[in-house]
PDB file of all heavy atoms in Angstrom:
ATOM      1  N   ILE A   1     -73.365-193.221 157.919  1.00  0.00           N
ATOM      2  CA  ILE A   1     -71.887-193.342 158.273  1.00  0.00           C
ATOM      3  C   ILE A   1     -71.055-192.713 157.229  1.00  0.00           C
ATOM      4  O   ILE A   1     -70.078-191.946 157.534  1.00  0.00           O
ATOM      5  CB  ILE A   1     -71.609-194.793 158.550  1.00  0.00           C
ATOM      6  CG1 ILE A   1     -72.325-195.304 159.773  1.00  0.00           C
ATOM      7  CG2 ILE A   1     -70.114-195.020 158.626  1.00  0.00           C
ATOM      8  CD1 ILE A   1     -72.190-196.838 159.901  1.00  0.00           C
ATOM      9  N   GLU A   2     -71.366-192.884 155.979  1.00  0.00           N
ATOM     10  CA  GLU A   2     -70.514-192.386 154.951  1.00  0.00           C
ATOM     11  C   GLU A   2     -70.598-190.857 154.802  1.00  0.00           C
ATOM     12  O   GLU A   2     -69.656-190.197 154.714  1.00  0.00           O
ATOM     13  CB  GLU A   2     -71.077-192.869 153.617  1.00  0.00           C
ATOM     14  CG  GLU A   2     -70.248-192.487 152.424  1.00  0.00           C
ATOM     15  CD  GLU A   2     -70.700-193.050 151.056  1.00  0.00           C
ATOM     16  OE1 GLU A   2     -71.512-194.012 151.044  1.00  0.00           O
ATOM     17  OE2 GLU A   2     -70.294-192.573 149.988  1.00  0.00           O
ATOM     18  N   ALA A   3     -71.838-190.227 155.155  1.00  0.00           N
ATOM     19  CA  ALA A   3     -71.985-188.820 155.169  1.00  0.00           C
ATOM     20  C   ALA A   3     -71.168-188.218 156.322  1.00  0.00           C
ATOM     21  O   ALA A   3     -70.426-187.215 156.086  1.00  0.00           O
ATOM     22  CB  ALA A   3     -73.502-188.485 155.246  1.00  0.00           C
ATOM     23  N   ILE A   4     -71.216-188.846 157.473  1.00  0.00           N
ATOM     24  CA  ILE A   4     -70.517-188.254 158.619  1.00  0.00           C
ATOM     25  C   ILE A   4     -68.974-188.384 158.305  1.00  0.00           C
ATOM     26  O   ILE A   4     -68.261-187.445 158.592  1.00  0.00           O
ATOM     27  CB  ILE A   4     -70.933-189.060 159.861  1.00  0.00           C
ATOM     28  CG1 ILE A   4     -72.354-188.782 160.269  1.00  0.00           C
ATOM     29  CG2 ILE A   4     -69.936-188.670 161.041  1.00  0.00           C
ATOM     30  CD1 ILE A   4     -72.802-189.730 161.367  1.00  0.00           C
ATOM     31  N   THR A   5     -68.546-189.534 157.876  1.00  0.00           N
ATOM     32  CA  THR A   5     -67.134-189.732 157.646  1.00  0.00           C
ATOM     33  C   THR A   5     -66.562-188.839 156.596  1.00  0.00           C
ATOM     34  O   THR A   5     -65.578-188.131 156.858  1.00  0.00           O
ATOM     35  CB  THR A   5     -66.879-191.216 157.187  1.00  0.00           C
ATOM     36  OG1 THR A   5     -67.377-192.035 158.164  1.00  0.00           O
ATOM     37  CG2 THR A   5     -65.351-191.456 157.004  1.00  0.00           C
ATOM     38  N   ASN A   6     -67.274-188.636 155.534  1.00  0.00           N
ATOM     39  CA  ASN A   6     -66.792-187.673 154.466  1.00  0.00           C
ATOM     40  C   ASN A   6     -66.792-186.292 154.941  1.00  0.00           C
ATOM     41  O   ASN A   6     -65.884-185.457 154.678  1.00  0.00           O
ATOM     42  CB  ASN A   6     -67.636-187.773 153.276  1.00  0.00           C
ATOM     43  CG  ASN A   6     -67.383-189.239 152.500  1.00  0.00           C
ATOM     44  OD1 ASN A   6     -66.324-189.853 152.758  1.00  0.00           O
ATOM     45  ND2 ASN A   6     -68.300-189.657 151.711  1.00  0.00           N
ATOM     46  N   ALA A   7     -67.808-185.843 155.693  1.00  0.00           N
ATOM     47  CA  ALA A   7     -67.911-184.423 156.142  1.00  0.00           C
ATOM     48  C   ALA A   7     -66.934-184.124 157.225  1.00  0.00           C
ATOM     49  O   ALA A   7     -66.527-182.944 157.380  1.00  0.00           O
ATOM     50  CB  ALA A   7     -69.347-184.092 156.527  1.00  0.00           C
ATOM     51  N   ALA A   8     -66.703-185.061 158.173  1.00  0.00           N
ATOM     52  CA  ALA A   8     -65.902-184.777 159.330  1.00  0.00           C
ATOM     53  C   ALA A   8     -64.398-185.032 159.163  1.00  0.00           C
ATOM     54  O   ALA A   8     -63.578-184.562 159.928  1.00  0.00           O
ATOM     55  CB  ALA A   8     -66.385-185.624 160.533  1.00  0.00           C
ATOM     56  N   ARG A   9     -64.033-185.647 158.083  1.00  0.00           N
ATOM     57  CA  ARG A   9     -62.612-185.966 157.911  1.00  0.00           C
ATOM     58  C   ARG A   9     -61.761-184.782 157.564  1.00  0.00           C
ATOM     59  O   ARG A   9     -62.069-184.063 156.623  1.00  0.00           O
ATOM     60  CB  ARG A   9     -62.505-187.048 156.756  1.00  0.00           C
ATOM     61  CG  ARG A   9     -60.984-187.515 156.590  1.00  0.00           C
ATOM     62  CD  ARG A   9     -60.880-188.503 155.438  1.00  0.00           C
ATOM     63  NE  ARG A   9     -61.556-189.794 155.878  1.00  0.00           N
ATOM     64  CZ  ARG A   9     -62.397-190.425 155.134  1.00  0.00           C
ATOM     65  NH1 ARG A   9     -62.813-190.000 153.965  1.00  0.00           N
ATOM     66  NH2 ARG A   9     -62.924-191.579 155.573  1.00  0.00           N
ATOM     67  N   THR A  10     -60.673-184.595 158.277  1.00  0.00           N
ATOM     68  CA  THR A  10     -59.675-183.611 157.954  1.00  0.00           C
ATOM     69  C   THR A  10     -58.378-184.267 157.503  1.00  0.00           C
ATOM     70  O   THR A  10     -57.591-183.643 156.895  1.00  0.00           O
ATOM     71  CB  THR A  10     -59.424-182.645 159.153  1.00  0.00           C
ATOM     72  OG1 THR A  10     -58.749-183.391 160.197  1.00  0.00           O
ATOM     73  CG2 THR A  10     -60.593-181.989 159.694  1.00  0.00           C
ATOM     74  N   GLY A  11     -58.201-185.533 157.851  1.00  0.00           N
ATOM     75  CA  GLY A  11     -57.027-186.307 157.602  1.00  0.00           C
ATOM     76  C   GLY A  11     -55.982-186.064 158.657  1.00  0.00           C
ATOM     77  O   GLY A  11     -54.856-186.693 158.576  1.00  0.00           O
ATOM     78  N   LYS A  12     -56.253-185.414 159.685  1.00  0.00           N
ATOM     79  CA  LYS A  12     -55.307-185.237 160.843  1.00  0.00           C
ATOM     80  C   LYS A  12     -55.823-185.951 162.035  1.00  0.00           C
ATOM     81  O   LYS A  12     -57.043-186.355 162.127  1.00  0.00           O
ATOM     82  CB  LYS A  12     -55.241-183.787 161.105  1.00  0.00           C
ATOM     83  CG  LYS A  12     -54.699-183.001 159.894  1.00  0.00           C
ATOM     84  CD  LYS A  12     -54.456-181.514 160.271  1.00  0.00           C
ATOM     85  CE  LYS A  12     -53.775-180.918 159.068  1.00  0.00           C
ATOM     86  NZ  LYS A  12     -54.277-179.611 158.800  1.00  0.00           N
ATOM     87  N   ILE A  13     -54.942-186.151 162.935  1.00  0.00           N
ATOM     88  CA  ILE A  13     -55.237-186.926 164.138  1.00  0.00           C
ATOM     89  C   ILE A  13     -56.346-186.212 164.928  1.00  0.00           C
ATOM     90  O   ILE A  13     -56.383-184.960 164.939  1.00  0.00           O
ATOM     91  CB  ILE A  13     -54.035-187.125 165.013  1.00  0.00           C
ATOM     92  CG1 ILE A  13     -54.235-188.191 166.074  1.00  0.00           C
ATOM     93  CG2 ILE A  13     -53.482-185.901 165.660  1.00  0.00           C
ATOM     94  CD1 ILE A  13     -52.998-188.771 166.770  1.00  0.00           C
ATOM     95  N   GLY A  14     -57.304-186.947 165.542  1.00  0.00           N
ATOM     96  CA  GLY A  14     -58.316-186.387 166.335  1.00  0.00           C
ATOM     97  C   GLY A  14     -59.571-186.047 165.477  1.00  0.00           C
ATOM     98  O   GLY A  14     -60.490-185.336 165.985  1.00  0.00           O
ATOM     99  N   ASP A  15     -59.748-186.647 164.319  1.00  0.00           N
ATOM    100  CA  ASP A  15     -60.954-186.526 163.590  1.00  0.00           C
ATOM    101  C   ASP A  15     -62.159-187.100 164.261  1.00  0.00           C
ATOM    102  O   ASP A  15     -63.278-186.643 164.047  1.00  0.00           O
ATOM    103  CB  ASP A  15     -60.811-187.127 162.149  1.00  0.00           C
ATOM    104  CG  ASP A  15     -60.161-186.227 161.186  1.00  0.00           C
ATOM    105  OD1 ASP A  15     -59.961-184.969 161.504  1.00  0.00           O
ATOM    106  OD2 ASP A  15     -59.829-186.579 160.060  1.00  0.00           O
ATOM    107  N   GLY A  16     -61.977-188.112 165.017  1.00  0.00           N
ATOM    108  CA  GLY A  16     -63.098-188.516 165.877  1.00  0.00           C
ATOM    109  C   GLY A  16     -63.402-190.057 165.666  1.00  0.00           C
ATOM    110  O   GLY A  16     -62.672-190.780 164.990  1.00  0.00           O
ATOM    111  N   LYS A  17     -64.567-190.431 166.183  1.00  0.00           N
ATOM    112  CA  LYS A  17     -65.007-191.893 166.038  1.00  0.00           C
ATOM    113  C   LYS A  17     -66.506-191.938 165.909  1.00  0.00           C
ATOM    114  O   LYS A  17     -67.215-190.993 166.217  1.00  0.00           O
ATOM    115  CB  LYS A  17     -64.625-192.576 167.389  1.00  0.00           C
ATOM    116  CG  LYS A  17     -63.170-192.700 167.638  1.00  0.00           C
ATOM    117  CD  LYS A  17     -62.790-194.200 167.960  1.00  0.00           C
ATOM    118  CE  LYS A  17     -61.305-194.484 168.014  1.00  0.00           C
ATOM    119  NZ  LYS A  17     -60.486-193.559 168.485  1.00  0.00           N
ATOM    120  N   ILE A  18     -66.976-193.072 165.296  1.00  0.00           N
ATOM    121  CA  ILE A  18     -68.397-193.334 165.194  1.00  0.00           C
ATOM    122  C   ILE A  18     -68.676-194.587 165.882  1.00  0.00           C
ATOM    123  O   ILE A  18     -67.932-195.616 165.674  1.00  0.00           O
ATOM    124  CB  ILE A  18     -68.756-193.426 163.647  1.00  0.00           C
ATOM    125  CG1 ILE A  18     -68.482-192.092 163.041  1.00  0.00           C
ATOM    126  CG2 ILE A  18     -70.241-193.805 163.485  1.00  0.00           C
ATOM    127  CD1 ILE A  18     -68.718-192.204 161.477  1.00  0.00           C
ATOM    128  N   PHE A  19     -69.752-194.629 166.701  1.00  0.00           N
ATOM    129  CA  PHE A  19     -70.169-195.842 167.431  1.00  0.00           C
ATOM    130  C   PHE A  19     -71.573-196.111 166.932  1.00  0.00           C
ATOM    131  O   PHE A  19     -72.395-195.298 166.901  1.00  0.00           O
ATOM    132  CB  PHE A  19     -70.156-195.592 168.903  1.00  0.00           C
ATOM    133  CG  PHE A  19     -68.854-195.152 169.407  1.00  0.00           C
ATOM    134  CD1 PHE A  19     -68.546-193.793 169.637  1.00  0.00           C
ATOM    135  CD2 PHE A  19     -67.780-196.094 169.767  1.00  0.00           C
ATOM    136  CE1 PHE A  19     -67.352-193.349 170.087  1.00  0.00           C
ATOM    137  CE2 PHE A  19     -66.616-195.686 170.242  1.00  0.00           C
ATOM    138  CZ  PHE A  19     -66.387-194.260 170.343  1.00  0.00           C
ATOM    139  N   ILE A  20     -71.876-197.420 166.673  1.00  0.00           N
ATOM    140  CA  ILE A  20     -73.266-197.837 166.300  1.00  0.00           C
ATOM    141  C   ILE A  20     -73.733-198.836 167.264  1.00  0.00           C
ATOM    142  O   ILE A  20     -73.035-199.863 167.591  1.00  0.00           O
ATOM    143  CB  ILE A  20     -73.259-198.435 164.889  1.00  0.00           C
ATOM    144  CG1 ILE A  20     -72.840-197.366 163.885  1.00  0.00           C
ATOM    145  CG2 ILE A  20     -74.628-198.978 164.507  1.00  0.00           C
ATOM    146  CD1 ILE A  20     -71.614-197.665 163.119  1.00  0.00           C
ATOM    147  N   SER A  21     -74.970-198.603 167.786  1.00  0.00           N
ATOM    148  CA  SER A  21     -75.592-199.641 168.691  1.00  0.00           C
ATOM    149  C   SER A  21     -77.031-199.853 168.317  1.00  0.00           C
ATOM    150  O   SER A  21     -77.654-199.064 167.598  1.00  0.00           O
ATOM    151  CB  SER A  21     -75.487-199.141 170.112  1.00  0.00           C
ATOM    152  OG  SER A  21     -76.016-197.836 170.324  1.00  0.00           O
ATOM    153  N   GLU A  22     -77.481-200.907 168.759  1.00  0.00           N
ATOM    154  CA  GLU A  22     -79.021-201.360 168.528  1.00  0.00           C
ATOM    155  C   GLU A  22     -79.869-200.522 169.378  1.00  0.00           C
ATOM    156  O   GLU A  22     -79.648-200.261 170.613  1.00  0.00           O
ATOM    157  CB  GLU A  22     -79.151-202.857 168.778  1.00  0.00           C
ATOM    158  CG  GLU A  22     -80.419-203.425 168.285  1.00  0.00           C
ATOM    159  CD  GLU A  22     -80.439-203.517 166.818  1.00  0.00           C
ATOM    160  OE1 GLU A  22     -79.537-203.777 166.188  1.00  0.00           O
ATOM    161  OE2 GLU A  22     -81.606-203.337 166.281  1.00  0.00           O
ATOM    162  N   VAL A  23     -81.034-200.105 168.712  1.00  0.00           N
ATOM    163  CA  VAL A  23     -82.010-199.461 169.493  1.00  0.00           C
ATOM    164  C   VAL A  23     -83.298-200.373 169.450  1.00  0.00           C
ATOM    165  O   VAL A  23     -83.773-200.769 168.305  1.00  0.00           O
ATOM    166  CB  VAL A  23     -82.448-198.103 168.813  1.00  0.00           C
ATOM    167  CG1 VAL A  23     -83.616-197.494 169.509  1.00  0.00           C
ATOM    168  CG2 VAL A  23     -81.270-197.194 168.957  1.00  0.00           C
ATOM    169  N   THR A  24     -83.860-200.665 170.585  1.00  0.00           N
ATOM    170  CA  THR A  24     -84.962-201.708 170.561  1.00  0.00           C
ATOM    171  C   THR A  24     -86.312-201.037 170.532  1.00  0.00           C
ATOM    172  O   THR A  24     -87.245-201.649 170.111  1.00  0.00           O
ATOM    173  CB  THR A  24     -84.900-202.554 171.868  1.00  0.00           C
ATOM    174  OG1 THR A  24     -84.903-201.801 172.972  1.00  0.00           O
ATOM    175  CG2 THR A  24     -83.571-203.392 171.781  1.00  0.00           C
ATOM    176  N   LYS A  25     -86.435-199.822 171.013  1.00  0.00           N
ATOM    177  CA  LYS A  25     -87.764-199.145 171.001  1.00  0.00           C
ATOM    178  C   LYS A  25     -87.606-197.606 170.992  1.00  0.00           C
ATOM    179  O   LYS A  25     -86.735-197.089 171.665  1.00  0.00           O
ATOM    180  CB  LYS A  25     -88.545-199.509 172.206  1.00  0.00           C
ATOM    181  CG  LYS A  25     -89.971-199.028 172.216  1.00  0.00           C
ATOM    182  CD  LYS A  25     -90.890-199.886 172.944  1.00  0.00           C
ATOM    183  CE  LYS A  25     -91.128-201.226 172.537  1.00  0.00           C
ATOM    184  NZ  LYS A  25     -91.923-201.497 171.375  1.00  0.00           N
ATOM    185  N   VAL A  26     -88.406-196.875 170.224  1.00  0.00           N
ATOM    186  CA  VAL A  26     -88.425-195.522 170.202  1.00  0.00           C
ATOM    187  C   VAL A  26     -89.902-195.066 170.372  1.00  0.00           C
ATOM    188  O   VAL A  26     -90.725-195.627 169.720  1.00  0.00           O
ATOM    189  CB  VAL A  26     -87.895-194.832 168.859  1.00  0.00           C
ATOM    190  CG1 VAL A  26     -88.056-193.400 168.766  1.00  0.00           C
ATOM    191  CG2 VAL A  26     -86.445-195.288 168.690  1.00  0.00           C
TER     192      VAL A  26
END
């Protein structure tokens, strides 16, 4: 999350969102 946030941030509107969900099996 920290890597995505730091790399994707421009400081302007529309930078995006991050969603986290549980994975039960791969």
